N, C-alpha and C. Protein backbone atom coordinates (compact mmCIF):
# COMPACT_ATOMS: atom_id res chain seq x y z
N MET A 1 99.48 151.97 115.27
CA MET A 1 98.98 151.45 116.55
C MET A 1 99.33 152.43 117.66
N SER A 2 98.37 152.75 118.52
CA SER A 2 98.60 153.70 119.60
C SER A 2 99.49 153.09 120.66
N ASP A 3 100.03 153.98 121.53
CA ASP A 3 100.89 153.48 122.60
C ASP A 3 100.13 152.53 123.52
N LEU A 4 98.85 152.82 123.77
CA LEU A 4 98.04 151.97 124.64
C LEU A 4 97.86 150.59 124.03
N LYS A 5 97.58 150.56 122.71
CA LYS A 5 97.38 149.27 122.03
C LYS A 5 98.66 148.45 122.04
N ARG A 6 99.81 149.17 121.83
CA ARG A 6 101.09 148.44 121.85
C ARG A 6 101.33 147.83 123.24
N TYR A 7 101.01 148.57 124.27
CA TYR A 7 101.21 148.09 125.63
C TYR A 7 100.34 146.85 125.91
N MET A 8 99.06 146.95 125.50
CA MET A 8 98.14 145.83 125.73
C MET A 8 98.60 144.59 124.97
N HIS A 9 99.08 144.76 123.77
CA HIS A 9 99.56 143.65 122.95
C HIS A 9 100.78 143.00 123.62
N ALA A 10 101.67 143.86 124.14
CA ALA A 10 102.88 143.35 124.79
C ALA A 10 102.54 142.58 126.06
N VAL A 11 101.52 143.03 126.79
CA VAL A 11 101.13 142.36 128.03
C VAL A 11 100.44 141.05 127.74
N LYS A 12 99.54 141.05 126.75
CA LYS A 12 98.75 139.84 126.45
C LYS A 12 99.62 138.67 126.05
N ARG A 13 100.71 138.93 125.32
CA ARG A 13 101.53 137.84 124.80
C ARG A 13 102.17 137.00 125.91
N PRO A 14 102.89 137.63 126.89
CA PRO A 14 103.45 136.80 127.96
C PRO A 14 102.40 136.16 128.85
N VAL A 15 101.29 136.86 129.07
CA VAL A 15 100.21 136.27 129.88
C VAL A 15 99.67 135.02 129.20
N ALA A 16 99.47 135.10 127.89
CA ALA A 16 98.99 133.94 127.14
C ALA A 16 99.97 132.79 127.22
N MET A 17 101.29 133.11 127.16
CA MET A 17 102.30 132.07 127.23
C MET A 17 102.30 131.40 128.60
N VAL A 18 102.11 132.22 129.65
CA VAL A 18 102.06 131.66 131.00
C VAL A 18 100.86 130.74 131.15
N LEU A 19 99.69 131.20 130.66
CA LEU A 19 98.48 130.37 130.75
C LEU A 19 98.65 129.08 129.98
N LEU A 20 99.26 129.16 128.80
CA LEU A 20 99.48 127.97 127.98
C LEU A 20 100.41 127.01 128.69
N GLY A 21 101.49 127.58 129.28
CA GLY A 21 102.43 126.73 130.00
C GLY A 21 101.79 126.03 131.18
N SER A 22 100.94 126.78 131.90
CA SER A 22 100.24 126.19 133.06
C SER A 22 99.33 125.07 132.63
N ALA A 23 98.62 125.30 131.53
CA ALA A 23 97.71 124.27 131.02
C ALA A 23 98.47 123.01 130.66
N MET A 24 99.67 123.20 130.05
CA MET A 24 100.47 122.03 129.67
C MET A 24 100.95 121.27 130.89
N VAL A 25 101.34 122.02 131.96
CA VAL A 25 101.79 121.37 133.19
C VAL A 25 100.69 120.53 133.79
N PHE A 26 99.47 121.14 133.90
CA PHE A 26 98.36 120.39 134.48
C PHE A 26 98.00 119.20 133.61
N SER A 27 98.08 119.37 132.30
CA SER A 27 97.78 118.27 131.39
C SER A 27 98.76 117.14 131.59
N LEU A 28 100.07 117.50 131.68
CA LEU A 28 101.08 116.48 131.87
C LEU A 28 100.94 115.80 133.22
N GLN A 29 100.53 116.59 134.25
CA GLN A 29 100.31 115.98 135.56
C GLN A 29 99.19 114.95 135.50
N GLY A 30 98.13 115.29 134.75
CA GLY A 30 97.03 114.35 134.59
C GLY A 30 97.49 113.09 133.89
N CYS A 31 98.30 113.28 132.83
CA CYS A 31 98.82 112.14 132.09
C CYS A 31 99.70 111.29 132.98
N PHE A 32 100.53 111.97 133.80
CA PHE A 32 101.42 111.24 134.69
C PHE A 32 100.62 110.40 135.68
N GLY A 33 99.50 111.00 136.19
CA GLY A 33 98.66 110.25 137.12
C GLY A 33 98.10 109.00 136.49
N VAL A 34 97.64 109.15 135.23
CA VAL A 34 97.10 107.99 134.52
C VAL A 34 98.18 106.95 134.29
N ILE A 35 99.36 107.44 133.85
CA ILE A 35 100.47 106.52 133.57
C ILE A 35 100.91 105.83 134.85
N ALA A 36 101.06 106.62 135.93
CA ALA A 36 101.49 106.04 137.20
C ALA A 36 100.49 105.00 137.68
N GLY A 37 99.19 105.32 137.57
CA GLY A 37 98.17 104.36 137.97
C GLY A 37 98.26 103.09 137.17
N GLY A 38 98.51 103.26 135.86
CA GLY A 38 98.64 102.10 134.99
C GLY A 38 99.84 101.26 135.35
N VAL A 39 100.95 101.94 135.70
CA VAL A 39 102.17 101.22 136.07
C VAL A 39 101.94 100.41 137.34
N VAL A 40 101.29 101.06 138.35
CA VAL A 40 101.01 100.37 139.61
C VAL A 40 100.12 99.16 139.37
N ALA A 41 99.03 99.37 138.61
CA ALA A 41 98.11 98.27 138.34
C ALA A 41 98.82 97.16 137.58
N GLY A 42 99.66 97.56 136.61
CA GLY A 42 100.39 96.57 135.83
C GLY A 42 101.37 95.79 136.68
N THR A 43 102.04 96.49 137.63
CA THR A 43 102.99 95.82 138.51
C THR A 43 102.28 94.82 139.41
N LEU A 44 101.14 95.23 139.98
CA LEU A 44 100.39 94.33 140.84
C LEU A 44 99.93 93.10 140.07
N ALA A 45 99.47 93.33 138.83
CA ALA A 45 99.02 92.20 138.02
C ALA A 45 100.17 91.27 137.70
N ALA A 46 101.35 91.85 137.43
CA ALA A 46 102.50 91.03 137.05
C ALA A 46 103.02 90.21 138.22
N THR A 47 102.91 90.71 139.46
CA THR A 47 103.43 89.99 140.61
C THR A 47 102.44 88.96 141.14
N ASP A 48 101.24 88.94 140.63
CA ASP A 48 100.25 87.94 140.98
C ASP A 48 100.57 86.68 140.17
N ARG A 49 100.58 85.52 140.82
CA ARG A 49 100.97 84.28 140.13
C ARG A 49 99.85 83.68 139.30
N ARG A 50 98.71 84.32 139.28
CA ARG A 50 97.66 83.90 138.35
C ARG A 50 97.90 84.56 137.01
N THR A 51 97.35 83.98 135.96
CA THR A 51 97.40 84.64 134.66
C THR A 51 96.44 85.82 134.70
N LEU A 52 96.62 86.76 133.77
CA LEU A 52 95.70 87.90 133.71
C LEU A 52 94.27 87.43 133.44
N GLY A 53 94.15 86.38 132.63
CA GLY A 53 92.83 85.82 132.35
C GLY A 53 92.18 85.29 133.60
N ALA A 54 92.95 84.60 134.44
CA ALA A 54 92.40 84.04 135.68
C ALA A 54 92.02 85.14 136.65
N GLN A 55 92.82 86.20 136.71
CA GLN A 55 92.50 87.33 137.59
C GLN A 55 91.17 87.96 137.20
N THR A 56 91.00 88.16 135.91
CA THR A 56 89.75 88.75 135.41
C THR A 56 88.57 87.82 135.68
N GLU A 57 88.79 86.54 135.43
CA GLU A 57 87.70 85.58 135.63
C GLU A 57 87.33 85.46 137.10
N ASP A 58 88.31 85.54 137.99
CA ASP A 58 88.02 85.47 139.42
C ASP A 58 87.10 86.60 139.86
N LYS A 59 87.34 87.79 139.34
CA LYS A 59 86.48 88.93 139.67
C LYS A 59 85.06 88.68 139.19
N SER A 60 84.93 88.14 137.97
CA SER A 60 83.62 87.84 137.41
C SER A 60 82.90 86.77 138.22
N ILE A 61 83.63 85.74 138.61
CA ILE A 61 83.05 84.64 139.39
C ILE A 61 82.52 85.15 140.73
N ALA A 62 83.30 86.00 141.39
CA ALA A 62 82.88 86.53 142.70
C ALA A 62 81.61 87.36 142.57
N VAL A 63 81.54 88.19 141.55
CA VAL A 63 80.35 89.03 141.34
C VAL A 63 79.14 88.16 141.05
N LYS A 64 79.30 87.19 140.17
CA LYS A 64 78.17 86.31 139.82
C LYS A 64 77.72 85.51 141.05
N GLY A 65 78.67 85.05 141.84
CA GLY A 65 78.31 84.27 143.02
C GLY A 65 77.56 85.10 144.05
N GLU A 66 78.01 86.32 144.27
CA GLU A 66 77.35 87.17 145.26
C GLU A 66 75.97 87.64 144.80
N MET A 67 75.72 87.55 143.51
CA MET A 67 74.38 87.87 143.00
C MET A 67 73.46 86.65 143.05
N ALA A 68 74.00 85.46 142.77
CA ALA A 68 73.17 84.27 142.65
C ALA A 68 72.92 83.54 143.98
N ILE A 69 73.93 83.44 144.82
CA ILE A 69 73.81 82.61 146.01
C ILE A 69 72.79 83.13 147.03
N PRO A 70 72.68 84.43 147.28
CA PRO A 70 71.64 84.90 148.21
C PRO A 70 70.23 84.47 147.82
N LYS A 71 70.02 84.24 146.54
CA LYS A 71 68.68 83.83 146.08
C LYS A 71 68.34 82.42 146.54
N VAL A 72 69.36 81.58 146.79
CA VAL A 72 69.08 80.19 147.18
C VAL A 72 69.22 79.97 148.69
N VAL A 73 69.88 80.90 149.40
CA VAL A 73 70.02 80.71 150.85
C VAL A 73 69.04 81.55 151.65
N GLY A 74 68.43 82.53 151.02
CA GLY A 74 67.44 83.35 151.70
C GLY A 74 68.03 84.54 152.43
N ASP A 75 67.16 85.39 152.93
CA ASP A 75 67.58 86.62 153.60
C ASP A 75 68.31 86.37 154.91
N ALA A 76 68.11 85.21 155.51
CA ALA A 76 68.75 84.92 156.79
C ALA A 76 70.22 84.58 156.63
N GLY A 77 70.64 84.36 155.41
CA GLY A 77 72.03 83.98 155.17
C GLY A 77 72.95 85.17 154.95
N HIS A 78 74.21 84.96 155.22
CA HIS A 78 75.26 85.96 154.97
C HIS A 78 76.43 85.19 154.34
N VAL A 79 76.59 85.35 153.03
CA VAL A 79 77.58 84.55 152.31
C VAL A 79 78.57 85.44 151.59
N ASN A 80 79.86 85.16 151.81
CA ASN A 80 80.93 85.84 151.08
C ASN A 80 81.52 84.87 150.06
N VAL A 81 81.73 85.36 148.86
CA VAL A 81 82.27 84.53 147.78
C VAL A 81 83.64 85.07 147.38
N THR A 82 84.65 84.24 147.53
CA THR A 82 86.01 84.62 147.15
C THR A 82 86.52 83.62 146.13
N SER A 83 87.04 84.12 145.02
CA SER A 83 87.58 83.24 143.98
C SER A 83 89.05 83.55 143.76
N PHE A 84 89.87 82.51 143.76
CA PHE A 84 91.29 82.67 143.48
C PHE A 84 91.73 81.55 142.55
N ASN A 85 92.15 81.93 141.37
CA ASN A 85 92.55 80.97 140.33
C ASN A 85 91.43 79.96 140.07
N ARG A 86 90.20 80.49 140.06
CA ARG A 86 88.98 79.73 139.75
C ARG A 86 88.58 78.73 140.84
N LYS A 87 89.23 78.83 141.99
CA LYS A 87 88.80 78.04 143.16
C LYS A 87 87.96 78.97 144.03
N VAL A 88 86.73 78.56 144.34
CA VAL A 88 85.81 79.41 145.09
C VAL A 88 85.78 79.01 146.56
N LEU A 89 85.91 80.01 147.42
CA LEU A 89 85.79 79.82 148.86
C LEU A 89 84.50 80.49 149.32
N LEU A 90 83.65 79.73 149.99
CA LEU A 90 82.40 80.27 150.54
C LEU A 90 82.55 80.39 152.05
N THR A 91 82.36 81.59 152.57
CA THR A 91 82.42 81.81 154.01
C THR A 91 81.20 82.61 154.45
N GLY A 92 80.92 82.55 155.73
CA GLY A 92 79.75 83.26 156.25
C GLY A 92 78.83 82.32 157.00
N GLU A 93 77.57 82.67 157.06
CA GLU A 93 76.61 81.88 157.82
C GLU A 93 75.32 81.67 157.03
N VAL A 94 74.76 80.48 157.18
CA VAL A 94 73.47 80.15 156.54
C VAL A 94 72.59 79.46 157.58
N PRO A 95 71.27 79.50 157.38
CA PRO A 95 70.36 78.99 158.42
C PRO A 95 70.25 77.47 158.53
N SER A 96 70.70 76.72 157.51
CA SER A 96 70.51 75.27 157.56
C SER A 96 71.54 74.56 156.69
N GLU A 97 71.66 73.25 156.91
CA GLU A 97 72.56 72.43 156.09
C GLU A 97 72.10 72.43 154.63
N ALA A 98 70.78 72.45 154.45
CA ALA A 98 70.24 72.47 153.09
C ALA A 98 70.68 73.74 152.36
N ALA A 99 70.65 74.86 153.08
CA ALA A 99 71.08 76.12 152.48
C ALA A 99 72.57 76.10 152.17
N LYS A 100 73.35 75.48 153.04
CA LYS A 100 74.79 75.36 152.83
C LYS A 100 75.09 74.56 151.57
N GLU A 101 74.38 73.46 151.41
CA GLU A 101 74.58 72.61 150.22
C GLU A 101 74.11 73.34 148.95
N ALA A 102 73.00 74.06 149.08
CA ALA A 102 72.47 74.79 147.92
C ALA A 102 73.45 75.88 147.47
N ALA A 103 74.09 76.53 148.42
CA ALA A 103 75.06 77.57 148.10
C ALA A 103 76.24 76.99 147.32
N ALA A 104 76.71 75.82 147.76
CA ALA A 104 77.84 75.18 147.08
C ALA A 104 77.45 74.75 145.67
N ARG A 105 76.25 74.23 145.51
CA ARG A 105 75.79 73.82 144.17
C ARG A 105 75.71 75.03 143.24
N GLU A 106 75.16 76.13 143.76
CA GLU A 106 75.03 77.33 142.95
C GLU A 106 76.39 77.87 142.52
N ALA A 107 77.35 77.82 143.45
CA ALA A 107 78.70 78.29 143.13
C ALA A 107 79.35 77.42 142.07
N SER A 108 79.14 76.12 142.15
CA SER A 108 79.76 75.20 141.19
C SER A 108 79.20 75.36 139.79
N ARG A 109 78.02 75.95 139.68
CA ARG A 109 77.39 76.14 138.37
C ARG A 109 77.90 77.37 137.63
N ILE A 110 78.61 78.22 138.32
CA ILE A 110 79.12 79.44 137.68
C ILE A 110 80.19 79.08 136.67
N GLU A 111 80.10 79.67 135.51
CA GLU A 111 81.05 79.37 134.44
C GLU A 111 82.47 79.72 134.87
N GLY A 112 83.38 78.76 134.66
CA GLY A 112 84.78 78.98 134.98
C GLY A 112 85.21 78.41 136.31
N VAL A 113 84.28 78.12 137.20
CA VAL A 113 84.63 77.59 138.53
C VAL A 113 85.16 76.16 138.40
N GLN A 114 86.32 75.92 139.00
CA GLN A 114 86.93 74.60 138.93
C GLN A 114 86.72 73.78 140.20
N SER A 115 86.59 74.45 141.34
CA SER A 115 86.33 73.74 142.60
C SER A 115 85.72 74.71 143.61
N VAL A 116 85.03 74.14 144.60
CA VAL A 116 84.38 74.96 145.64
C VAL A 116 84.79 74.43 147.02
N VAL A 117 85.25 75.34 147.86
CA VAL A 117 85.56 75.01 149.25
C VAL A 117 84.47 75.65 150.11
N ASN A 118 83.63 74.81 150.69
CA ASN A 118 82.46 75.30 151.42
C ASN A 118 82.74 75.40 152.91
N GLU A 119 83.02 76.62 153.38
CA GLU A 119 83.31 76.86 154.79
C GLU A 119 82.17 77.62 155.47
N LEU A 120 80.97 77.53 154.92
CA LEU A 120 79.82 78.19 155.52
C LEU A 120 79.45 77.54 156.84
N ALA A 121 79.12 78.36 157.83
CA ALA A 121 78.69 77.85 159.12
C ALA A 121 77.17 77.89 159.19
N VAL A 122 76.60 76.86 159.78
CA VAL A 122 75.15 76.83 159.97
C VAL A 122 74.86 77.52 161.30
N SER A 123 74.49 78.78 161.21
CA SER A 123 74.23 79.59 162.42
C SER A 123 73.59 80.90 162.00
N GLY A 124 73.27 81.71 162.98
CA GLY A 124 72.74 83.03 162.68
C GLY A 124 73.80 83.91 162.06
N ALA A 125 73.37 84.88 161.27
CA ALA A 125 74.31 85.76 160.59
C ALA A 125 75.11 86.59 161.60
N SER A 126 76.39 86.77 161.32
CA SER A 126 77.25 87.56 162.20
C SER A 126 76.83 89.03 162.18
N GLY A 127 77.12 89.73 163.27
CA GLY A 127 76.73 91.13 163.38
C GLY A 127 77.80 92.07 162.85
N PHE A 128 77.47 93.35 162.89
CA PHE A 128 78.38 94.38 162.39
C PHE A 128 79.71 94.39 163.15
N GLY A 129 79.64 94.21 164.46
CA GLY A 129 80.85 94.22 165.27
C GLY A 129 81.80 93.11 164.89
N SER A 130 81.24 91.92 164.69
CA SER A 130 82.05 90.76 164.31
C SER A 130 82.70 90.97 162.95
N ARG A 131 81.95 91.51 162.02
CA ARG A 131 82.49 91.72 160.67
C ARG A 131 83.55 92.82 160.66
N SER A 132 83.37 93.84 161.47
CA SER A 132 84.36 94.90 161.57
C SER A 132 85.66 94.35 162.15
N ASN A 133 85.53 93.48 163.15
CA ASN A 133 86.70 92.85 163.75
C ASN A 133 87.43 91.98 162.74
N ASP A 134 86.65 91.27 161.91
CA ASP A 134 87.25 90.44 160.86
C ASP A 134 88.04 91.27 159.87
N THR A 135 87.50 92.43 159.52
CA THR A 135 88.19 93.33 158.60
C THR A 135 89.52 93.79 159.20
N LEU A 136 89.50 94.10 160.49
CA LEU A 136 90.71 94.53 161.19
C LEU A 136 91.75 93.41 161.20
N ILE A 137 91.31 92.20 161.48
CA ILE A 137 92.23 91.05 161.51
C ILE A 137 92.85 90.82 160.14
N THR A 138 92.02 90.90 159.10
CA THR A 138 92.53 90.72 157.74
C THR A 138 93.64 91.72 157.44
N GLY A 139 93.42 92.97 157.82
CA GLY A 139 94.43 94.00 157.60
C GLY A 139 95.72 93.71 158.34
N LYS A 140 95.60 93.25 159.57
CA LYS A 140 96.80 92.96 160.36
C LYS A 140 97.57 91.77 159.79
N VAL A 141 96.84 90.75 159.34
CA VAL A 141 97.50 89.58 158.75
C VAL A 141 98.22 89.96 157.46
N LYS A 142 97.55 90.75 156.62
CA LYS A 142 98.17 91.19 155.37
C LYS A 142 99.45 91.98 155.65
N ALA A 143 99.37 92.89 156.62
CA ALA A 143 100.54 93.71 156.96
C ALA A 143 101.68 92.84 157.47
N SER A 144 101.37 91.83 158.25
CA SER A 144 102.40 90.94 158.79
C SER A 144 103.06 90.13 157.68
N ILE A 145 102.27 89.73 156.69
CA ILE A 145 102.82 88.98 155.56
C ILE A 145 103.72 89.87 154.72
N VAL A 146 103.27 91.11 154.51
CA VAL A 146 104.09 92.07 153.74
C VAL A 146 105.41 92.33 154.45
N ASP A 147 105.39 92.39 155.78
CA ASP A 147 106.61 92.65 156.54
C ASP A 147 107.64 91.53 156.43
N ASN A 148 107.16 90.33 156.10
CA ASN A 148 108.09 89.21 155.95
C ASN A 148 108.71 89.27 154.56
N ARG A 149 110.01 89.47 154.50
CA ARG A 149 110.68 89.73 153.23
C ARG A 149 110.84 88.49 152.36
N THR A 150 110.55 87.32 152.89
CA THR A 150 110.73 86.10 152.10
C THR A 150 109.44 85.65 151.42
N LEU A 151 108.34 86.38 151.67
CA LEU A 151 107.06 86.01 151.06
C LEU A 151 106.66 87.04 150.01
N TYR A 152 106.03 86.56 148.94
CA TYR A 152 105.48 87.43 147.90
C TYR A 152 104.03 87.69 148.27
N ALA A 153 103.78 88.85 148.86
CA ALA A 153 102.46 89.14 149.43
C ALA A 153 101.34 89.07 148.40
N ASN A 154 101.62 89.45 147.14
CA ASN A 154 100.56 89.43 146.12
C ASN A 154 100.15 88.03 145.72
N SER A 155 100.89 87.03 146.19
CA SER A 155 100.55 85.64 145.87
C SER A 155 99.58 85.05 146.89
N ILE A 156 99.26 85.81 147.94
CA ILE A 156 98.44 85.30 149.03
C ILE A 156 97.23 86.20 149.26
N LYS A 157 96.06 85.58 149.33
CA LYS A 157 94.82 86.31 149.61
C LYS A 157 94.34 85.92 151.00
N VAL A 158 93.93 86.91 151.77
CA VAL A 158 93.50 86.69 153.16
C VAL A 158 92.01 86.98 153.29
N VAL A 159 91.29 86.03 153.85
CA VAL A 159 89.85 86.20 154.12
C VAL A 159 89.61 85.83 155.58
N THR A 160 88.87 86.66 156.31
CA THR A 160 88.59 86.38 157.73
C THR A 160 87.10 86.33 157.98
N GLU A 161 86.68 85.32 158.71
CA GLU A 161 85.26 85.16 159.06
C GLU A 161 85.16 84.64 160.48
N ARG A 162 84.53 85.45 161.37
CA ARG A 162 84.37 85.09 162.78
C ARG A 162 85.71 84.76 163.43
N GLY A 163 86.75 85.47 163.06
CA GLY A 163 88.07 85.28 163.66
C GLY A 163 88.87 84.15 163.02
N ILE A 164 88.26 83.45 162.09
CA ILE A 164 88.97 82.37 161.38
C ILE A 164 89.58 82.95 160.12
N VAL A 165 90.88 82.76 159.95
CA VAL A 165 91.59 83.30 158.79
C VAL A 165 91.77 82.20 157.74
N TYR A 166 91.33 82.51 156.53
CA TYR A 166 91.50 81.60 155.40
C TYR A 166 92.56 82.19 154.48
N LEU A 167 93.52 81.36 154.10
CA LEU A 167 94.61 81.80 153.23
C LEU A 167 94.52 81.10 151.89
N MET A 168 94.45 81.90 150.83
CA MET A 168 94.38 81.37 149.48
C MET A 168 95.60 81.86 148.69
N GLY A 169 95.88 81.17 147.60
CA GLY A 169 96.97 81.62 146.75
C GLY A 169 97.72 80.47 146.11
N ARG A 170 98.64 80.83 145.22
CA ARG A 170 99.51 79.84 144.57
C ARG A 170 100.89 79.97 145.22
N VAL A 171 101.21 79.01 146.07
CA VAL A 171 102.44 79.09 146.86
C VAL A 171 103.10 77.72 146.95
N THR A 172 104.38 77.73 147.36
CA THR A 172 105.04 76.47 147.68
C THR A 172 104.60 76.05 149.07
N GLU A 173 104.86 74.81 149.43
CA GLU A 173 104.48 74.35 150.77
C GLU A 173 105.21 75.15 151.84
N ARG A 174 106.47 75.50 151.57
CA ARG A 174 107.24 76.29 152.54
C ARG A 174 106.57 77.64 152.74
N GLU A 175 106.19 78.31 151.65
CA GLU A 175 105.53 79.61 151.74
C GLU A 175 104.19 79.49 152.48
N GLY A 176 103.46 78.42 152.17
CA GLY A 176 102.16 78.22 152.81
C GLY A 176 102.27 78.04 154.30
N ASP A 177 103.25 77.23 154.73
CA ASP A 177 103.45 77.01 156.16
C ASP A 177 103.89 78.29 156.86
N LEU A 178 104.77 79.04 156.21
CA LEU A 178 105.26 80.28 156.80
C LEU A 178 104.13 81.30 156.94
N ALA A 179 103.31 81.45 155.88
CA ALA A 179 102.19 82.39 155.94
C ALA A 179 101.20 82.00 157.04
N ALA A 180 100.94 80.71 157.18
CA ALA A 180 100.01 80.24 158.21
C ALA A 180 100.55 80.54 159.61
N ASN A 181 101.85 80.31 159.80
CA ASN A 181 102.45 80.59 161.10
C ASN A 181 102.40 82.08 161.43
N ILE A 182 102.62 82.92 160.41
CA ILE A 182 102.54 84.36 160.62
C ILE A 182 101.12 84.76 161.02
N ALA A 183 100.13 84.21 160.32
CA ALA A 183 98.73 84.53 160.62
C ALA A 183 98.35 84.09 162.03
N ARG A 184 98.83 82.94 162.45
CA ARG A 184 98.50 82.44 163.79
C ARG A 184 99.04 83.36 164.88
N GLY A 185 100.09 84.10 164.58
CA GLY A 185 100.68 84.99 165.56
C GLY A 185 100.01 86.34 165.67
N VAL A 186 99.00 86.59 164.85
CA VAL A 186 98.29 87.88 164.87
C VAL A 186 97.20 87.85 165.93
N SER A 187 97.12 88.88 166.73
CA SER A 187 96.12 88.93 167.80
C SER A 187 94.70 88.91 167.24
N GLY A 188 93.85 88.13 167.88
CA GLY A 188 92.46 88.03 167.45
C GLY A 188 92.17 86.86 166.55
N VAL A 189 93.21 86.24 166.00
CA VAL A 189 93.00 85.09 165.10
C VAL A 189 92.65 83.85 165.92
N GLN A 190 91.51 83.25 165.62
CA GLN A 190 91.05 82.07 166.35
C GLN A 190 91.57 80.77 165.72
N LYS A 191 91.72 80.81 164.40
CA LYS A 191 92.11 79.59 163.68
C LYS A 191 92.59 79.99 162.29
N VAL A 192 93.49 79.21 161.70
CA VAL A 192 93.97 79.47 160.35
C VAL A 192 93.68 78.25 159.47
N VAL A 193 93.04 78.50 158.34
CA VAL A 193 92.71 77.42 157.39
C VAL A 193 93.42 77.71 156.08
N LYS A 194 94.23 76.76 155.63
CA LYS A 194 94.96 76.92 154.37
C LYS A 194 94.12 76.39 153.21
N VAL A 195 93.87 77.26 152.24
CA VAL A 195 93.11 76.89 151.05
C VAL A 195 94.01 77.13 149.83
N PHE A 196 95.27 76.82 149.99
CA PHE A 196 96.26 77.12 148.97
C PHE A 196 96.20 76.15 147.79
N GLU A 197 96.71 76.63 146.68
CA GLU A 197 97.04 75.79 145.52
C GLU A 197 98.56 75.73 145.52
N TYR A 198 99.10 74.55 145.72
CA TYR A 198 100.55 74.44 145.86
C TYR A 198 101.25 74.30 144.50
N ILE A 199 102.39 74.97 144.40
CA ILE A 199 103.21 74.88 143.20
C ILE A 199 104.54 74.23 143.59
N SER A 200 105.22 73.68 142.60
CA SER A 200 106.49 73.02 142.86
C SER A 200 107.61 74.05 143.02
N ASP A 201 108.72 73.61 143.57
CA ASP A 201 109.88 74.50 143.70
C ASP A 201 110.38 74.95 142.33
N GLU A 202 110.26 74.06 141.34
CA GLU A 202 110.70 74.42 139.99
C GLU A 202 109.82 75.54 139.41
N GLU A 203 108.50 75.40 139.60
CA GLU A 203 107.59 76.44 139.11
C GLU A 203 107.83 77.75 139.85
N TYR A 204 108.12 77.65 141.14
CA TYR A 204 108.42 78.84 141.93
C TYR A 204 109.64 79.57 141.36
N ARG A 205 110.69 78.81 141.02
CA ARG A 205 111.90 79.42 140.48
C ARG A 205 111.62 80.10 139.14
N MET A 206 110.79 79.46 138.33
CA MET A 206 110.43 80.05 137.04
C MET A 206 109.69 81.37 137.23
N LEU A 207 108.79 81.41 138.19
CA LEU A 207 108.00 82.62 138.44
C LEU A 207 108.84 83.74 139.01
N THR A 208 109.75 83.40 139.92
CA THR A 208 110.50 84.45 140.62
C THR A 208 111.76 84.89 139.90
N THR A 209 112.16 84.18 138.85
CA THR A 209 113.35 84.61 138.11
C THR A 209 112.97 85.42 136.89
N THR A 210 111.64 85.57 136.65
CA THR A 210 111.18 86.42 135.55
C THR A 210 111.05 87.84 136.07
N PRO A 211 111.80 88.81 135.50
CA PRO A 211 111.77 90.19 136.02
C PRO A 211 110.38 90.75 136.18
N GLU A 212 109.48 90.45 135.21
CA GLU A 212 108.14 91.03 135.26
C GLU A 212 107.33 90.49 136.42
N SER A 213 107.74 89.33 136.96
CA SER A 213 106.93 88.70 138.02
C SER A 213 107.49 88.96 139.39
N GLN A 214 108.52 89.78 139.52
CA GLN A 214 109.11 90.03 140.82
C GLN A 214 108.53 91.26 141.47
N PRO A 215 107.96 91.14 142.66
CA PRO A 215 107.45 92.31 143.37
C PRO A 215 108.59 93.08 143.98
N ALA A 216 108.35 94.34 144.27
CA ALA A 216 109.37 95.14 144.91
C ALA A 216 109.52 94.66 146.35
N GLN A 217 110.72 94.32 146.73
CA GLN A 217 110.99 93.84 148.07
C GLN A 217 111.68 94.93 148.89
N LYS A 218 111.43 94.94 150.17
CA LYS A 218 112.08 95.91 151.04
C LYS A 218 113.57 95.61 151.09
N GLN A 219 114.36 96.65 151.09
CA GLN A 219 115.81 96.48 151.15
C GLN A 219 116.28 96.52 152.60
């Protein structure tokens, strides 16, 4: 082998090792991202007081409702469908009482739905500004609940429509009252409606003493 060939061989070997090492680092980083994402998703699922089956079914119910209900209320309607532990909350606006009733009937026909809370208003559909404000209020209420160290934020779902805040979730009466009081103190909130499913103190203790069901709390 010539001196030039020996030199090229000597150079190629460490370069190849560096490239291989870099590829392994990037590969491991990708794996870490997937694992970390899975851990976060798993933690959020574990701290939710619904079963995994109910969480999955709630997503399906909401999608089915948002596809089916506009067909019975017409283009003039604006309907939001929220499902929590198979309890459906309807919010938004519809043009008539008949449309409001039709929306509730359609929601009740969806497989898995156990009850329907019909909070639809008979009025013209809200505008972009109103809906943007509702989104802002929802964010502020959620942040305020998270800041309270005695509440399990993943147990509470916040929905806002025309400044009215609806609170859903599986909570004790104490937690429900506290969450409602927190929401009332947020600027822009016109009214707070509790749509909770209440659990007993005994069930609360069972849920919160299981390591897998405890959310990370601020120290």
